[in-house]
Amino acid sequence: MFDVFDNPFAMVVAIVAIVAGARVWRTHLVTKARQHRSPDDDKLIKSMQGEIHALSERVRVLEKLVTDDDRQLASEIDRLRDIGSAGPRT
């Protein structure tokens, strides 16, 4: 049995067999996990995807603010102040 370690070809075959066995076992576990998913998992996944989308939008806005020209940002703030100071329209 220990002759396998002396023969390089046998070692390669043994390593390939171990890797193939590990992949088959991993595939089996992944398939088993997918079969046992509940409908609540799907709801959770959709909720998390919605949250990711909302966070992505926030990051886009923050990136725009960070990379925006200072003068444009200042003029936008001033414009918003002017709108706020005008008060409610009657």
N, C-alpha and C. Protein backbone atom coordinates (compact mmCIF):
# COMPACT_ATOMS: atom_id res chain seq x y z
N MET A 1 0.82 -1.19 0.00
CA MET A 1 0.00 0.00 0.00
C MET A 1 0.86 1.26 0.00
N PHE A 2 1.95 1.28 0.71
CA PHE A 2 2.81 2.45 0.75
C PHE A 2 3.67 2.57 -0.50
N ASP A 3 3.54 1.63 -1.44
CA ASP A 3 4.26 1.72 -2.69
C ASP A 3 3.72 2.87 -3.55
N VAL A 4 2.52 3.34 -3.25
CA VAL A 4 1.92 4.42 -4.00
C VAL A 4 2.77 5.69 -3.88
N PHE A 5 3.36 5.89 -2.72
CA PHE A 5 4.15 7.10 -2.50
C PHE A 5 5.49 7.04 -3.23
N ASP A 6 5.91 5.86 -3.62
CA ASP A 6 7.17 5.72 -4.35
C ASP A 6 7.00 5.94 -5.84
N ASN A 7 5.82 5.72 -6.36
CA ASN A 7 5.56 5.82 -7.79
C ASN A 7 4.90 7.16 -8.09
N PRO A 8 5.55 8.06 -8.84
CA PRO A 8 4.96 9.38 -9.13
C PRO A 8 3.65 9.28 -9.88
N PHE A 9 3.52 8.36 -10.82
CA PHE A 9 2.28 8.21 -11.57
C PHE A 9 1.14 7.82 -10.63
N ALA A 10 1.40 6.91 -9.72
CA ALA A 10 0.37 6.48 -8.77
C ALA A 10 -0.01 7.63 -7.84
N MET A 11 0.96 8.47 -7.48
CA MET A 11 0.64 9.63 -6.64
C MET A 11 -0.28 10.61 -7.36
N VAL A 12 0.00 10.84 -8.64
CA VAL A 12 -0.83 11.75 -9.42
C VAL A 12 -2.25 11.20 -9.52
N VAL A 13 -2.36 9.90 -9.79
CA VAL A 13 -3.67 9.27 -9.88
C VAL A 13 -4.40 9.38 -8.55
N ALA A 14 -3.69 9.17 -7.45
CA ALA A 14 -4.31 9.26 -6.13
C ALA A 14 -4.79 10.69 -5.85
N ILE A 15 -3.99 11.68 -6.21
CA ILE A 15 -4.37 13.08 -5.99
C ILE A 15 -5.59 13.44 -6.82
N VAL A 16 -5.60 13.01 -8.09
CA VAL A 16 -6.75 13.29 -8.95
C VAL A 16 -8.00 12.61 -8.41
N ALA A 17 -7.86 11.39 -7.91
CA ALA A 17 -9.01 10.68 -7.34
C ALA A 17 -9.53 11.39 -6.10
N ILE A 18 -8.63 11.90 -5.27
CA ILE A 18 -9.05 12.61 -4.06
C ILE A 18 -9.77 13.91 -4.42
N VAL A 19 -9.23 14.65 -5.38
CA VAL A 19 -9.85 15.91 -5.80
C VAL A 19 -11.21 15.65 -6.44
N ALA A 20 -11.30 14.63 -7.28
CA ALA A 20 -12.58 14.30 -7.92
C ALA A 20 -13.60 13.88 -6.88
N GLY A 21 -13.18 13.09 -5.91
CA GLY A 21 -14.09 12.67 -4.84
C GLY A 21 -14.59 13.85 -4.03
N ALA A 22 -13.68 14.80 -3.76
CA ALA A 22 -14.06 15.98 -2.99
C ALA A 22 -15.07 16.83 -3.76
N ARG A 23 -14.88 16.94 -5.07
CA ARG A 23 -15.81 17.73 -5.88
C ARG A 23 -17.18 17.07 -5.93
N VAL A 24 -17.20 15.75 -6.05
CA VAL A 24 -18.47 15.02 -6.06
C VAL A 24 -19.18 15.22 -4.72
N TRP A 25 -18.44 15.14 -3.62
CA TRP A 25 -19.03 15.31 -2.29
C TRP A 25 -19.56 16.74 -2.12
N ARG A 26 -18.81 17.73 -2.59
CA ARG A 26 -19.25 19.12 -2.50
C ARG A 26 -20.53 19.34 -3.31
N THR A 27 -20.56 18.80 -4.51
CA THR A 27 -21.76 18.92 -5.35
C THR A 27 -22.96 18.28 -4.67
N HIS A 28 -22.73 17.14 -4.04
CA HIS A 28 -23.80 16.45 -3.31
C HIS A 28 -24.32 17.35 -2.18
N LEU A 29 -23.42 17.98 -1.43
CA LEU A 29 -23.84 18.83 -0.32
C LEU A 29 -24.59 20.07 -0.80
N VAL A 30 -24.13 20.66 -1.89
CA VAL A 30 -24.79 21.85 -2.44
C VAL A 30 -26.19 21.49 -2.93
N THR A 31 -26.31 20.38 -3.61
CA THR A 31 -27.61 19.93 -4.11
C THR A 31 -28.55 19.64 -2.95
N LYS A 32 -28.04 19.01 -1.92
CA LYS A 32 -28.85 18.69 -0.74
C LYS A 32 -29.33 19.97 -0.06
N ALA A 33 -28.45 20.96 0.02
CA ALA A 33 -28.82 22.24 0.65
C ALA A 33 -29.89 22.96 -0.16
N ARG A 34 -29.79 22.91 -1.49
CA ARG A 34 -30.79 23.57 -2.33
C ARG A 34 -32.15 22.91 -2.21
N GLN A 35 -32.18 21.61 -2.00
CA GLN A 35 -33.45 20.89 -1.89
C GLN A 35 -34.16 21.24 -0.61
N HIS A 36 -33.42 21.64 0.41
CA HIS A 36 -34.02 21.90 1.71
C HIS A 36 -34.30 23.39 1.95
N ARG A 37 -34.26 24.18 0.87
CA ARG A 37 -34.58 25.60 1.01
C ARG A 37 -36.07 25.77 1.23
N SER A 38 -36.41 26.72 2.06
CA SER A 38 -37.83 26.99 2.32
C SER A 38 -38.26 28.23 1.55
N PRO A 39 -39.58 28.43 1.42
CA PRO A 39 -40.07 29.65 0.75
C PRO A 39 -39.63 30.92 1.48
N ASP A 40 -39.42 30.81 2.78
CA ASP A 40 -38.94 31.97 3.54
C ASP A 40 -37.55 32.39 3.07
N ASP A 41 -36.74 31.41 2.65
CA ASP A 41 -35.41 31.73 2.13
C ASP A 41 -35.52 32.58 0.88
N ASP A 42 -36.48 32.26 0.01
CA ASP A 42 -36.67 33.04 -1.21
C ASP A 42 -37.08 34.47 -0.88
N LYS A 43 -37.96 34.62 0.11
CA LYS A 43 -38.37 35.96 0.53
C LYS A 43 -37.19 36.73 1.09
N LEU A 44 -36.37 36.05 1.89
CA LEU A 44 -35.20 36.70 2.46
C LEU A 44 -34.23 37.13 1.37
N ILE A 45 -34.03 36.28 0.38
CA ILE A 45 -33.13 36.60 -0.73
C ILE A 45 -33.63 37.82 -1.48
N LYS A 46 -34.93 37.87 -1.79
CA LYS A 46 -35.50 39.02 -2.49
C LYS A 46 -35.37 40.29 -1.65
N SER A 47 -35.60 40.17 -0.36
CA SER A 47 -35.46 41.33 0.53
C SER A 47 -34.02 41.83 0.54
N MET A 48 -33.09 40.91 0.61
CA MET A 48 -31.68 41.30 0.62
C MET A 48 -31.27 41.92 -0.72
N GLN A 49 -31.80 41.41 -1.82
CA GLN A 49 -31.50 41.99 -3.12
C GLN A 49 -32.04 43.41 -3.21
N GLY A 50 -33.23 43.65 -2.67
CA GLY A 50 -33.79 45.00 -2.64
C GLY A 50 -32.93 45.95 -1.82
N GLU A 51 -32.45 45.44 -0.68
CA GLU A 51 -31.59 46.25 0.17
C GLU A 51 -30.27 46.58 -0.54
N ILE A 52 -29.72 45.60 -1.23
CA ILE A 52 -28.47 45.82 -1.98
C ILE A 52 -28.69 46.88 -3.05
N HIS A 53 -29.83 46.81 -3.73
CA HIS A 53 -30.14 47.80 -4.77
C HIS A 53 -30.23 49.20 -4.16
N ALA A 54 -30.92 49.32 -3.02
CA ALA A 54 -31.06 50.62 -2.37
C ALA A 54 -29.70 51.15 -1.93
N LEU A 55 -28.88 50.28 -1.39
CA LEU A 55 -27.54 50.71 -0.96
C LEU A 55 -26.68 51.11 -2.15
N SER A 56 -26.84 50.41 -3.26
CA SER A 56 -26.09 50.77 -4.47
C SER A 56 -26.47 52.16 -4.94
N GLU A 57 -27.77 52.48 -4.87
CA GLU A 57 -28.22 53.82 -5.25
C GLU A 57 -27.60 54.88 -4.34
N ARG A 58 -27.57 54.60 -3.04
CA ARG A 58 -26.98 55.54 -2.10
C ARG A 58 -25.50 55.75 -2.39
N VAL A 59 -24.81 54.66 -2.69
CA VAL A 59 -23.38 54.77 -3.00
C VAL A 59 -23.18 55.62 -4.25
N ARG A 60 -24.04 55.44 -5.26
CA ARG A 60 -23.94 56.26 -6.48
C ARG A 60 -24.09 57.74 -6.16
N VAL A 61 -25.06 58.06 -5.31
CA VAL A 61 -25.28 59.46 -4.94
C VAL A 61 -24.06 59.99 -4.18
N LEU A 62 -23.55 59.20 -3.25
CA LEU A 62 -22.38 59.64 -2.49
C LEU A 62 -21.16 59.80 -3.39
N GLU A 63 -20.98 58.91 -4.34
CA GLU A 63 -19.87 59.04 -5.28
C GLU A 63 -20.00 60.32 -6.09
N LYS A 64 -21.24 60.62 -6.47
CA LYS A 64 -21.46 61.85 -7.24
C LYS A 64 -21.11 63.08 -6.41
N LEU A 65 -21.51 63.05 -5.13
CA LEU A 65 -21.21 64.18 -4.26
C LEU A 65 -19.70 64.32 -4.03
N VAL A 66 -19.03 63.20 -3.87
CA VAL A 66 -17.60 63.24 -3.60
C VAL A 66 -16.83 63.70 -4.82
N THR A 67 -17.23 63.26 -5.99
CA THR A 67 -16.49 63.59 -7.21
C THR A 67 -16.99 64.86 -7.88
N ASP A 68 -18.08 65.42 -7.38
CA ASP A 68 -18.66 66.62 -7.97
C ASP A 68 -17.73 67.81 -7.78
N ASP A 69 -17.76 68.70 -8.71
CA ASP A 69 -16.98 69.93 -8.62
C ASP A 69 -17.50 70.75 -7.44
N ASP A 70 -16.59 71.31 -6.64
CA ASP A 70 -16.98 72.06 -5.44
C ASP A 70 -17.91 73.21 -5.77
N ARG A 71 -17.67 73.87 -6.87
CA ARG A 71 -18.51 75.02 -7.23
C ARG A 71 -19.94 74.58 -7.54
N GLN A 72 -20.07 73.43 -8.21
CA GLN A 72 -21.42 72.95 -8.51
C GLN A 72 -22.15 72.59 -7.23
N LEU A 73 -21.45 71.95 -6.31
CA LEU A 73 -22.06 71.55 -5.05
C LEU A 73 -22.48 72.80 -4.26
N ALA A 74 -21.61 73.78 -4.21
CA ALA A 74 -21.91 75.02 -3.48
C ALA A 74 -23.10 75.74 -4.10
N SER A 75 -23.15 75.80 -5.43
CA SER A 75 -24.28 76.47 -6.07
C SER A 75 -25.58 75.71 -5.85
N GLU A 76 -25.51 74.39 -5.80
CA GLU A 76 -26.72 73.59 -5.55
C GLU A 76 -27.21 73.82 -4.12
N ILE A 77 -26.29 73.89 -3.17
CA ILE A 77 -26.67 74.16 -1.77
C ILE A 77 -27.30 75.55 -1.66
N ASP A 78 -26.69 76.53 -2.31
CA ASP A 78 -27.25 77.89 -2.28
C ASP A 78 -28.64 77.92 -2.91
N ARG A 79 -28.82 77.22 -4.00
CA ARG A 79 -30.13 77.17 -4.66
C ARG A 79 -31.18 76.57 -3.73
N LEU A 80 -30.80 75.50 -3.03
CA LEU A 80 -31.74 74.87 -2.10
C LEU A 80 -32.04 75.78 -0.91
N ARG A 81 -31.06 76.55 -0.47
CA ARG A 81 -31.29 77.51 0.63
C ARG A 81 -32.26 78.60 0.16
N ASP A 82 -32.07 79.06 -1.06
CA ASP A 82 -32.97 80.10 -1.58
C ASP A 82 -34.40 79.60 -1.66
N ILE A 83 -34.57 78.36 -2.06
CA ILE A 83 -35.91 77.77 -2.13
C ILE A 83 -36.51 77.68 -0.74
N GLY A 84 -35.68 77.24 0.23
CA GLY A 84 -36.16 77.09 1.61
C GLY A 84 -36.47 78.42 2.28
N SER A 85 -35.70 79.47 1.95
CA SER A 85 -35.92 80.78 2.60
C SER A 85 -37.10 81.51 1.98
N ALA A 86 -37.53 81.12 0.80
CA ALA A 86 -38.67 81.79 0.17
C ALA A 86 -39.95 81.52 0.94
N GLY A 87 -39.96 80.42 1.69
CA GLY A 87 -41.14 80.12 2.49
C GLY A 87 -42.22 79.46 1.63
N PRO A 88 -43.30 79.08 2.29
CA PRO A 88 -44.38 78.44 1.54
C PRO A 88 -45.09 79.43 0.64
N ARG A 89 -45.47 78.96 -0.50
CA ARG A 89 -46.19 79.82 -1.47
C ARG A 89 -47.68 79.80 -1.18
N THR A 90 -48.29 80.96 -1.34
CA THR A 90 -49.74 81.04 -1.09
C THR A 90 -50.49 81.35 -2.31
